[in-house]
PDB file of N, CA and C in Angstrom:
ATOM      1  N   UNK A   1       0.857  -1.129  -0.143  1.00  0.00           N
ATOM      2  CA  UNK A   1      -0.077   0.114   0.118  1.00  0.00           C
ATOM      3  C   UNK A   1       0.800   1.069   0.146  1.00  0.00           C
ATOM      4  N   UNK A   2       0.161   2.528  -0.262  1.00  0.00           N
ATOM      5  CA  UNK A   2       1.083   3.567  -0.302  1.00  0.00           C
ATOM      6  C   UNK A   2       1.742   4.216   1.063  1.00  0.00           C
ATOM      7  N   UNK A   3       2.262   5.253   1.011  1.00  0.00           N
ATOM      8  CA  UNK A   3       2.861   5.972   2.023  1.00  0.00           C
ATOM      9  C   UNK A   3       1.865   6.471   3.082  1.00  0.00           C
ATOM     10  N   UNK A   4       1.419   7.536   2.482  1.00  0.00           N
ATOM     11  CA  UNK A   4       0.522   8.208   3.571  1.00  0.00           C
ATOM     12  C   UNK A   4      -0.955   7.899   3.011  1.00  0.00           C
ATOM     13  N   UNK A   5      -1.623   7.096   3.752  1.00  0.00           N
ATOM     14  CA  UNK A   5      -3.158   6.792   3.349  1.00  0.00           C
ATOM     15  C   UNK A   5      -4.124   7.753   3.763  1.00  0.00           C
ATOM     16  N   UNK A   6      -4.028   8.794   3.257  1.00  0.00           N
ATOM     17  CA  UNK A   6      -5.119   9.977   3.707  1.00  0.00           C
ATOM     18  C   UNK A   6      -6.152  10.193   2.759  1.00  0.00           C
ATOM     19  N   UNK A   7      -6.248   9.480   1.524  1.00  0.00           N
ATOM     20  CA  UNK A   7      -7.252   9.632   0.722  1.00  0.00           C
ATOM     21  C   UNK A   7      -8.399   8.887   0.870  1.00  0.00           C
ATOM     22  N   UNK A   8      -9.493   9.143   0.818  1.00  0.00           N
ATOM     23  CA  UNK A   8     -10.708   8.454   0.837  1.00  0.00           C
ATOM     24  C   UNK A   8     -10.806   7.236  -0.071  1.00  0.00           C
ATOM     25  N   UNK A   9     -10.286   7.288  -1.170  1.00  0.00           N
ATOM     26  CA  UNK A   9      -9.935   6.126  -2.098  1.00  0.00           C
ATOM     27  C   UNK A   9      -9.348   4.927  -1.456  1.00  0.00           C
ATOM     28  N   UNK A  10      -8.051   5.330  -0.712  1.00  0.00           N
ATOM     29  CA  UNK A  10      -7.301   4.541  -0.098  1.00  0.00           C
ATOM     30  C   UNK A  10      -8.126   3.628   0.765  1.00  0.00           C
ATOM     31  N   UNK A  11      -8.684   4.288   1.596  1.00  0.00           N
ATOM     32  CA  UNK A  11      -9.628   3.828   2.720  1.00  0.00           C
ATOM     33  C   UNK A  11     -10.842   3.000   2.235  1.00  0.00           C
ATOM     34  N   UNK A  12     -11.582   3.476   1.151  1.00  0.00           N
ATOM     35  CA  UNK A  12     -12.562   2.583   0.551  1.00  0.00           C
ATOM     36  C   UNK A  12     -12.086   1.129   0.246  1.00  0.00           C
ATOM     37  N   UNK A  13     -10.760   1.262  -0.601  1.00  0.00           N
ATOM     38  CA  UNK A  13     -10.111   0.007  -0.961  1.00  0.00           C
ATOM     39  C   UNK A  13      -9.789  -0.744   0.157  1.00  0.00           C
ATOM     40  N   UNK A  14      -9.243  -0.320   1.116  1.00  0.00           N
ATOM     41  CA  UNK A  14      -8.688  -0.944   2.292  1.00  0.00           C
ATOM     42  C   UNK A  14     -10.095  -1.781   2.758  1.00  0.00           C
ATOM     43  N   UNK A  15     -10.913  -0.979   3.027  1.00  0.00           N
ATOM     44  CA  UNK A  15     -12.055  -1.516   3.705  1.00  0.00           C
ATOM     45  C   UNK A  15     -12.839  -2.737   2.864  1.00  0.00           C
ATOM     46  N   UNK A  16     -12.503  -2.660   1.548  1.00  0.00           N
ATOM     47  CA  UNK A  16     -13.256  -3.781   0.703  1.00  0.00           C
ATOM     48  C   UNK A  16     -12.226  -4.948   0.883  1.00  0.00           C
ATOM     49  N   UNK A  17     -11.002  -4.776   0.866  1.00  0.00           N
ATOM     50  CA  UNK A  17     -10.071  -5.724   1.245  1.00  0.00           C
ATOM     51  C   UNK A  17     -10.066  -6.508   2.333  1.00  0.00           C
ATOM     52  N   UNK A  18     -10.638  -5.628   3.452  1.00  0.00           N
ATOM     53  CA  UNK A  18     -10.711  -6.224   4.703  1.00  0.00           C
ATOM     54  C   UNK A  18     -11.848  -6.995   4.982  1.00  0.00           C
ATOM     55  N   UNK A  19     -12.881  -6.447   4.206  1.00  0.00           N
ATOM     56  CA  UNK A  19     -14.217  -7.339   4.304  1.00  0.00           C
ATOM     57  C   UNK A  19     -14.024  -8.582   3.876  1.00  0.00           C
ATOM     58  N   UNK A  20     -13.387  -8.776   2.411  1.00  0.00           N
ATOM     59  CA  UNK A  20     -12.897 -10.036   1.845  1.00  0.00           C
ATOM     60  C   UNK A  20     -12.222 -10.870   2.396  1.00  0.00           C
ATOM     61  N   UNK A  21     -11.203 -10.570   3.106  1.00  0.00           N
ATOM     62  CA  UNK A  21     -10.096 -11.183   3.755  1.00  0.00           C
ATOM     63  C   UNK A  21     -10.293 -11.878   4.841  1.00  0.00           C
ATOM     64  N   UNK A  22     -11.030 -11.427   5.742  1.00  0.00           N
ATOM     65  CA  UNK A  22     -11.156 -11.776   7.124  1.00  0.00           C
ATOM     66  C   UNK A  22     -12.646 -11.834   7.715  1.00  0.00           C
ATOM     67  N   UNK A  23     -12.644 -12.724   8.804  1.00  0.00           N
ATOM     68  CA  UNK A  23     -14.009 -12.745   9.684  1.00  0.00           C
ATOM     69  C   UNK A  23     -13.558 -11.864  10.816  1.00  0.00           C
ATOM     70  N   UNK A  24     -14.680 -10.954  11.018  1.00  0.00           N
ATOM     71  CA  UNK A  24     -14.580 -10.012  11.949  1.00  0.00           C
ATOM     72  C   UNK A  24     -15.395 -10.351  13.141  1.00  0.00           C
ATOM     73  N   UNK A  25     -14.894 -10.109  14.389  1.00  0.00           N
ATOM     74  CA  UNK A  25     -13.727  -9.385  14.949  1.00  0.00           C
ATOM     75  C   UNK A  25     -12.493 -10.256  14.455  1.00  0.00           C
ATOM     76  N   UNK A  26     -11.328  -9.741  14.283  1.00  0.00           N
ATOM     77  CA  UNK A  26     -10.193 -10.308  13.672  1.00  0.00           C
ATOM     78  C   UNK A  26      -8.655  -9.561  14.241  1.00  0.00           C
ATOM     79  N   UNK A  27      -7.852 -10.363  14.163  1.00  0.00           N
ATOM     80  CA  UNK A  27      -6.367  -9.699  14.601  1.00  0.00           C
ATOM     81  C   UNK A  27      -6.180  -9.110  13.364  1.00  0.00           C
ATOM     82  N   UNK A  28      -5.432  -7.877  13.569  1.00  0.00           N
ATOM     83  CA  UNK A  28      -5.004  -6.820  12.478  1.00  0.00           C
ATOM     84  C   UNK A  28      -3.456  -6.490  12.859  1.00  0.00           C
ATOM     85  N   UNK A  29      -2.568  -6.405  11.752  1.00  0.00           N
ATOM     86  CA  UNK A  29      -1.503  -5.771  11.937  1.00  0.00           C
ATOM     87  C   UNK A  29      -1.168  -4.551  11.407  1.00  0.00           C
ATOM     88  N   UNK A  30      -0.904  -3.593  12.295  1.00  0.00           N
ATOM     89  CA  UNK A  30      -0.771  -2.088  11.682  1.00  0.00           C
ATOM     90  C   UNK A  30       0.915  -2.056  11.625  1.00  0.00           C
ATOM     91  N   UNK A  31       1.258  -1.278  10.866  1.00  0.00           N
ATOM     92  CA  UNK A  31       2.731  -0.929  10.545  1.00  0.00           C
ATOM     93  C   UNK A  31       2.840   0.410  10.115  1.00  0.00           C
ATOM     94  N   UNK A  32       3.691   1.199  11.104  1.00  0.00           N
ATOM     95  CA  UNK A  32       3.984   2.539  11.035  1.00  0.00           C
ATOM     96  C   UNK A  32       5.495   2.774  10.870  1.00  0.00           C
ATOM     97  N   UNK A  33       5.897   3.828  10.260  1.00  0.00           N
ATOM     98  CA  UNK A  33       7.466   4.269  10.371  1.00  0.00           C
ATOM     99  C   UNK A  33       7.427   5.604  10.716  1.00  0.00           C
ATOM    100  N   UNK A  34       8.192   5.875  11.466  1.00  0.00           N
ATOM    101  CA  UNK A  34       8.460   7.460  12.161  1.00  0.00           C
ATOM    102  C   UNK A  34       9.819   7.525  12.306  1.00  0.00           C
ATOM    103  N   UNK A  35      10.012   8.822  12.387  1.00  0.00           N
ATOM    104  CA  UNK A  35      11.475   9.286  12.730  1.00  0.00           C
ATOM    105  C   UNK A  35      11.862   8.688  14.151  1.00  0.00           C
ATOM    106  N   UNK A  36      13.010   8.181  14.312  1.00  0.00           N
ATOM    107  CA  UNK A  36      13.343   7.732  15.659  1.00  0.00           C
ATOM    108  C   UNK A  36      13.304   8.754  16.619  1.00  0.00           C
ATOM    109  N   UNK A  37      12.162   8.841  17.178  1.00  0.00           N
ATOM    110  CA  UNK A  37      11.905   9.783  18.162  1.00  0.00           C
ATOM    111  C   UNK A  37      11.034   9.333  19.162  1.00  0.00           C
ATOM    112  N   UNK A  38      11.329   8.919  20.522  1.00  0.00           N
ATOM    113  CA  UNK A  38      10.822   8.354  21.522  1.00  0.00           C
ATOM    114  C   UNK A  38       9.378   9.023  21.685  1.00  0.00           C
ATOM    115  N   UNK A  39       9.184  10.131  21.713  1.00  0.00           N
ATOM    116  CA  UNK A  39       8.049  10.754  21.797  1.00  0.00           C
ATOM    117  C   UNK A  39       6.946  10.444  20.913  1.00  0.00           C
ATOM    118  N   UNK A  40       7.210  10.327  19.599  1.00  0.00           N
ATOM    119  CA  UNK A  40       6.645   9.998  18.411  1.00  0.00           C
ATOM    120  C   UNK A  40       6.120   8.456  18.723  1.00  0.00           C
ATOM    121  N   UNK A  41       7.140   7.845  18.815  1.00  0.00           N
ATOM    122  CA  UNK A  41       6.793   6.242  19.228  1.00  0.00           C
ATOM    123  C   UNK A  41       5.835   6.028  20.393  1.00  0.00           C
ATOM    124  N   UNK A  42       5.987   6.797  21.430  1.00  0.00           N
ATOM    125  CA  UNK A  42       5.035   6.717  22.627  1.00  0.00           C
ATOM    126  C   UNK A  42       3.636   7.048  22.101  1.00  0.00           C
ATOM    127  N   UNK A  43       3.676   8.238  21.125  1.00  0.00           N
ATOM    128  CA  UNK A  43       2.260   8.894  20.844  1.00  0.00           C
ATOM    129  C   UNK A  43       1.510   7.609  20.113  1.00  0.00           C
ATOM    130  N   UNK A  44       2.143   6.953  19.197  1.00  0.00           N
ATOM    131  CA  UNK A  44       1.359   5.793  18.426  1.00  0.00           C
ATOM    132  C   UNK A  44       1.120   4.690  19.564  1.00  0.00           C
ATOM    133  N   UNK A  45       2.000   4.358  20.447  1.00  0.00           N
ATOM    134  CA  UNK A  45       1.619   3.487  21.431  1.00  0.00           C
ATOM    135  C   UNK A  45       0.467   3.911  22.170  1.00  0.00           C
ATOM    136  N   UNK A  46       0.393   4.933  22.725  1.00  0.00           N
ATOM    137  CA  UNK A  46      -0.884   5.322  23.364  1.00  0.00           C
ATOM    138  C   UNK A  46      -2.003   5.355  22.761  1.00  0.00           C
ATOM    139  N   UNK A  47      -1.933   5.497  21.485  1.00  0.00           N
ATOM    140  CA  UNK A  47      -3.205   5.357  20.758  1.00  0.00           C
ATOM    141  C   UNK A  47      -3.836   4.000  20.691  1.00  0.00           C
ATOM    142  N   UNK A  48      -3.067   3.216  21.134  1.00  0.00           N
ATOM    143  CA  UNK A  48      -3.603   1.645  21.124  1.00  0.00           C
ATOM    144  C   UNK A  48      -3.533   0.978  22.611  1.00  0.00           C
ATOM    145  N   UNK A  49      -3.131   2.028  23.328  1.00  0.00           N
ATOM    146  CA  UNK A  49      -3.532   1.431  24.937  1.00  0.00           C
ATOM    147  C   UNK A  49      -5.010   1.026  25.271  1.00  0.00           C
ATOM    148  N   UNK A  50      -5.045   0.014  26.201  1.00  0.00           N
ATOM    149  CA  UNK A  50      -6.307  -0.521  26.690  1.00  0.00           C
ATOM    150  C   UNK A  50      -6.905  -1.339  25.264  1.00  0.00           C
ATOM    151  N   UNK A  51      -6.279  -1.815  24.250  1.00  0.00           N
ATOM    152  CA  UNK A  51      -6.704  -2.498  23.439  1.00  0.00           C
ATOM    153  C   UNK A  51      -6.400  -3.822  23.616  1.00  0.00           C
ATOM    154  N   UNK A  52      -5.181  -4.043  24.278  1.00  0.00           N
ATOM    155  CA  UNK A  52      -4.739  -5.442  24.492  1.00  0.00           C
ATOM    156  C   UNK A  52      -3.745  -5.681  23.212  1.00  0.00           C
ATOM    157  N   UNK A  53      -3.027  -4.554  22.653  1.00  0.00           N
ATOM    158  CA  UNK A  53      -2.275  -4.362  21.320  1.00  0.00           C
ATOM    159  C   UNK A  53      -0.855  -5.281  21.929  1.00  0.00           C
ATOM    160  N   UNK A  54      -0.193  -6.106  21.039  1.00  0.00           N
ATOM    161  CA  UNK A  54       1.018  -6.337  21.151  1.00  0.00           C
ATOM    162  C   UNK A  54       1.881  -5.605  20.116  1.00  0.00           C
ATOM    163  N   UNK A  55       2.834  -4.816  20.731  1.00  0.00           N
ATOM    164  CA  UNK A  55       3.567  -3.667  20.011  1.00  0.00           C
ATOM    165  C   UNK A  55       5.085  -3.989  19.934  1.00  0.00           C
ATOM    166  N   UNK A  56       5.427  -3.818  18.857  1.00  0.00           N
ATOM    167  CA  UNK A  56       6.850  -4.110  18.709  1.00  0.00           C
ATOM    168  C   UNK A  56       7.637  -2.938  17.759  1.00  0.00           C
ATOM    169  N   UNK A  57       9.046  -2.659  18.097  1.00  0.00           N
ATOM    170  CA  UNK A  57       9.397  -1.512  17.330  1.00  0.00           C
ATOM    171  C   UNK A  57      11.076  -2.007  16.945  1.00  0.00           C
ATOM    172  N   UNK A  58      11.246  -1.729  15.828  1.00  0.00           N
ATOM    173  CA  UNK A  58      12.545  -1.903  15.178  1.00  0.00           C
ATOM    174  C   UNK A  58      13.037  -0.735  14.475  1.00  0.00           C
ATOM    175  N   UNK A  59      14.312  -0.400  14.820  1.00  0.00           N
ATOM    176  CA  UNK A  59      15.026   0.673  14.338  1.00  0.00           C
ATOM    177  C   UNK A  59      15.557   0.280  12.925  1.00  0.00           C
ATOM    178  N   UNK A  60      15.802   1.249  12.111  1.00  0.00           N
ATOM    179  CA  UNK A  60      16.243   1.074  10.783  1.00  0.00           C
ATOM    180  C   UNK A  60      17.990   0.832  10.886  1.00  0.00           C
ATOM    181  N   UNK A  61      18.435   0.486   9.923  1.00  0.00           N
ATOM    182  CA  UNK A  61      20.176   0.255   9.906  1.00  0.00           C
ATOM    183  C   UNK A  61      20.892   1.475  10.463  1.00  0.00           C
ATOM    184  N   UNK A  62      20.442   2.547  10.164  1.00  0.00           N
ATOM    185  CA  UNK A  62      21.353   3.842  10.602  1.00  0.00           C
ATOM    186  C   UNK A  62      20.646   4.445  11.776  1.00  0.00           C
ATOM    187  N   UNK A  63      19.596   3.896  12.118  1.00  0.00           N
ATOM    188  CA  UNK A  63      18.818   4.606  13.344  1.00  0.00           C
ATOM    189  C   UNK A  63      17.911   5.763  13.196  1.00  0.00           C
ATOM    190  N   UNK A  64      17.823   6.216  11.767  1.00  0.00           N
ATOM    191  CA  UNK A  64      16.965   7.373  11.559  1.00  0.00           C
ATOM    192  C   UNK A  64      15.571   7.410  11.842  1.00  0.00           C
ATOM    193  N   UNK A  65      15.104   6.062  11.249  1.00  0.00           N
ATOM    194  CA  UNK A  65      13.686   5.578  11.513  1.00  0.00           C
ATOM    195  C   UNK A  65      13.383   4.499  12.479  1.00  0.00           C
ATOM    196  N   UNK A  66      12.211   4.540  12.743  1.00  0.00           N
ATOM    197  CA  UNK A  66      11.791   3.355  13.438  1.00  0.00           C
ATOM    198  C   UNK A  66      10.364   2.657  13.100  1.00  0.00           C
ATOM    199  N   UNK A  67      10.384   1.424  12.873  1.00  0.00           N
ATOM    200  CA  UNK A  67       9.158   0.777  12.348  1.00  0.00           C
ATOM    201  C   UNK A  67       8.336   0.493  13.737  1.00  0.00           C
ATOM    202  N   UNK A  68       6.965   0.793  13.801  1.00  0.00           N
ATOM    203  CA  UNK A  68       6.115   0.308  14.969  1.00  0.00           C
ATOM    204  C   UNK A  68       5.220  -0.729  14.355  1.00  0.00           C
ATOM    205  N   UNK A  69       5.327  -1.968  14.685  1.00  0.00           N
ATOM    206  CA  UNK A  69       4.384  -3.193  14.513  1.00  0.00           C
ATOM    207  C   UNK A  69       3.381  -3.230  15.653  1.00  0.00           C
ATOM    208  N   UNK A  70       1.986  -3.202  15.163  1.00  0.00           N
ATOM    209  CA  UNK A  70       0.900  -3.262  16.267  1.00  0.00           C
ATOM    210  C   UNK A  70      -0.068  -4.358  15.813  1.00  0.00           C
ATOM    211  N   UNK A  71      -0.032  -5.437  16.788  1.00  0.00           N
ATOM    212  CA  UNK A  71      -0.894  -6.581  16.451  1.00  0.00           C
ATOM    213  C   UNK A  71      -2.222  -6.275  17.537  1.00  0.00           C
ATOM    214  N   UNK A  72      -3.402  -6.337  16.750  1.00  0.00           N
ATOM    215  CA  UNK A  72      -4.322  -6.114  17.817  1.00  0.00           C
ATOM    216  C   UNK A  72      -5.566  -6.527  17.397  1.00  0.00           C
ATOM    217  N   UNK A  73      -6.761  -7.040  18.185  1.00  0.00           N
ATOM    218  CA  UNK A  73      -7.867  -7.446  17.602  1.00  0.00           C
ATOM    219  C   UNK A  73      -8.792  -6.270  17.470  1.00  0.00           C
ATOM    220  N   UNK A  74      -9.211  -6.325  16.240  1.00  0.00           N
ATOM    221  CA  UNK A  74     -10.385  -5.142  15.844  1.00  0.00           C
ATOM    222  C   UNK A  74     -11.481  -5.626  15.704  1.00  0.00           C
ATOM    223  N   UNK A  75     -12.739  -4.827  15.731  1.00  0.00           N
ATOM    224  CA  UNK A  75     -14.051  -5.577  15.874  1.00  0.00           C
ATOM    225  C   UNK A  75     -14.478  -5.512  14.309  1.00  0.00           C
ATOM    226  N   UNK A  76     -14.122  -4.540  13.580  1.00  0.00           N
ATOM    227  CA  UNK A  76     -14.451  -4.721  12.072  1.00  0.00           C
ATOM    228  C   UNK A  76     -13.710  -3.560  11.132  1.00  0.00           C
ATOM    229  N   UNK A  77     -13.670  -3.611   9.737  1.00  0.00           N
ATOM    230  CA  UNK A  77     -13.068  -2.906   9.065  1.00  0.00           C
ATOM    231  C   UNK A  77     -13.081  -1.304   9.504  1.00  0.00           C
ATOM    232  N   UNK A  78     -14.356  -0.935   9.774  1.00  0.00           N
ATOM    233  CA  UNK A  78     -14.204   0.442  10.069  1.00  0.00           C
ATOM    234  C   UNK A  78     -13.610   0.901  11.221  1.00  0.00           C
ATOM    235  N   UNK A  79     -13.285  -0.113  12.345  1.00  0.00           N
ATOM    236  CA  UNK A  79     -12.559   0.058  13.575  1.00  0.00           C
ATOM    237  C   UNK A  79     -11.109   0.248  12.988  1.00  0.00           C
ATOM    238  N   UNK A  80     -10.419  -0.486  11.801  1.00  0.00           N
ATOM    239  CA  UNK A  80      -9.143  -0.666  11.480  1.00  0.00           C
ATOM    240  C   UNK A  80      -8.981   0.715  10.919  1.00  0.00           C
ATOM    241  N   UNK A  81      -9.939   1.231  10.078  1.00  0.00           N
ATOM    242  CA  UNK A  81      -9.846   2.395   9.145  1.00  0.00           C
ATOM    243  C   UNK A  81      -9.707   3.771  10.074  1.00  0.00           C
ATOM    244  N   UNK A  82     -10.460   3.672  11.113  1.00  0.00           N
ATOM    245  CA  UNK A  82     -10.709   4.724  12.249  1.00  0.00           C
ATOM    246  C   UNK A  82      -9.544   4.885  12.817  1.00  0.00           C
ATOM    247  N   UNK A  83      -8.654   3.757  13.265  1.00  0.00           N
ATOM    248  CA  UNK A  83      -7.151   4.074  14.059  1.00  0.00           C
ATOM    249  C   UNK A  83      -6.095   4.493  13.050  1.00  0.00           C
ATOM    250  N   UNK A  84      -6.276   3.949  11.665  1.00  0.00           N
ATOM    251  CA  UNK A  84      -5.241   4.493  10.801  1.00  0.00           C
ATOM    252  C   UNK A  84      -5.542   6.207  10.669  1.00  0.00           C
ATOM    253  N   UNK A  85      -6.623   6.737  10.569  1.00  0.00           N
ATOM    254  CA  UNK A  85      -7.018   8.085  10.437  1.00  0.00           C
ATOM    255  C   UNK A  85      -6.678   8.835  11.807  1.00  0.00           C
ATOM    256  N   UNK A  86      -6.882   8.182  12.961  1.00  0.00           N
ATOM    257  CA  UNK A  86      -6.418   8.845  14.233  1.00  0.00           C
ATOM    258  C   UNK A  86      -4.998   8.885  14.235  1.00  0.00           C
ATOM    259  N   UNK A  87      -4.072   7.843  13.843  1.00  0.00           N
ATOM    260  CA  UNK A  87      -2.801   8.095  13.962  1.00  0.00           C
ATOM    261  C   UNK A  87      -2.060   8.961  13.008  1.00  0.00           C
ATOM    262  N   UNK A  88      -2.722   9.116  11.747  1.00  0.00           N
ATOM    263  CA  UNK A  88      -2.258  10.003  10.790  1.00  0.00           C
ATOM    264  C   UNK A  88      -2.280  11.406  11.151  1.00  0.00           C
ATOM    265  N   UNK A  89      -3.459  11.461  11.799  1.00  0.00           N
ATOM    266  CA  UNK A  89      -4.013  12.972  12.480  1.00  0.00           C
ATOM    267  C   UNK A  89      -3.187  13.555  13.732  1.00  0.00           C
ATOM    268  N   UNK A  90      -2.832  12.374  14.467  1.00  0.00           N
ATOM    269  CA  UNK A  90      -2.221  13.041  15.756  1.00  0.00           C
ATOM    270  C   UNK A  90      -0.669  12.765  15.727  1.00  0.00           C
ATOM    271  N   UNK A  91      -0.175  12.014  15.097  1.00  0.00           N
ATOM    272  CA  UNK A  91       1.348  11.906  15.033  1.00  0.00           C
ATOM    273  C   UNK A  91       1.780  12.362  13.640  1.00  0.00           C
ATOM    274  N   UNK A  92       2.480  13.493  14.030  1.00  0.00           N
ATOM    275  CA  UNK A  92       3.186  14.303  12.757  1.00  0.00           C
ATOM    276  C   UNK A  92       4.101  13.321  11.897  1.00  0.00           C
ATOM    277  N   UNK A  93       4.022  13.276  10.466  1.00  0.00           N
ATOM    278  CA  UNK A  93       5.221  12.707  10.033  1.00  0.00           C
ATOM    279  C   UNK A  93       5.196  11.071   9.874  1.00  0.00           C
ATOM    280  N   UNK A  94       4.100  10.698  10.310  1.00  0.00           N
ATOM    281  CA  UNK A  94       4.077   9.103  10.280  1.00  0.00           C
ATOM    282  C   UNK A  94       3.834   8.493   8.972  1.00  0.00           C
ATOM    283  N   UNK A  95       4.280   7.484   8.547  1.00  0.00           N
ATOM    284  CA  UNK A  95       4.070   6.637   7.457  1.00  0.00           C
ATOM    285  C   UNK A  95       3.127   5.465   7.766  1.00  0.00           C
ATOM    286  N   UNK A  96       2.173   5.243   7.004  1.00  0.00           N
ATOM    287  CA  UNK A  96       1.417   4.147   7.425  1.00  0.00           C
ATOM    288  C   UNK A  96       1.511   3.074   6.208  1.00  0.00           C
ATOM    289  N   UNK A  97       1.775   1.769   6.646  1.00  0.00           N
ATOM    290  CA  UNK A  97       1.951   0.793   5.562  1.00  0.00           C
ATOM    291  C   UNK A  97       1.062  -0.063   5.557  1.00  0.00           C
TER     292      UNK A  97
END
């Protein structure tokens, strides 16, 4: 998928894919890339607090960026998309994969 999923077209396509490929509620793996800044990483983690998410981070080879992977049970495709929009809105410079 693209870098910054901000367009409604992206979300419409994602929703269709999610509806076709999983039985809901289902586990979903979010992946985000941010500049290696602990505040930004914490911001992303906080948005998934209280959801029982399993969160792991991996720094890039040169340490400039950090990949944040979040495995969490979501109730439906709309909930998945809502979280993507929330992260894009609240965390400056985040790239959603």
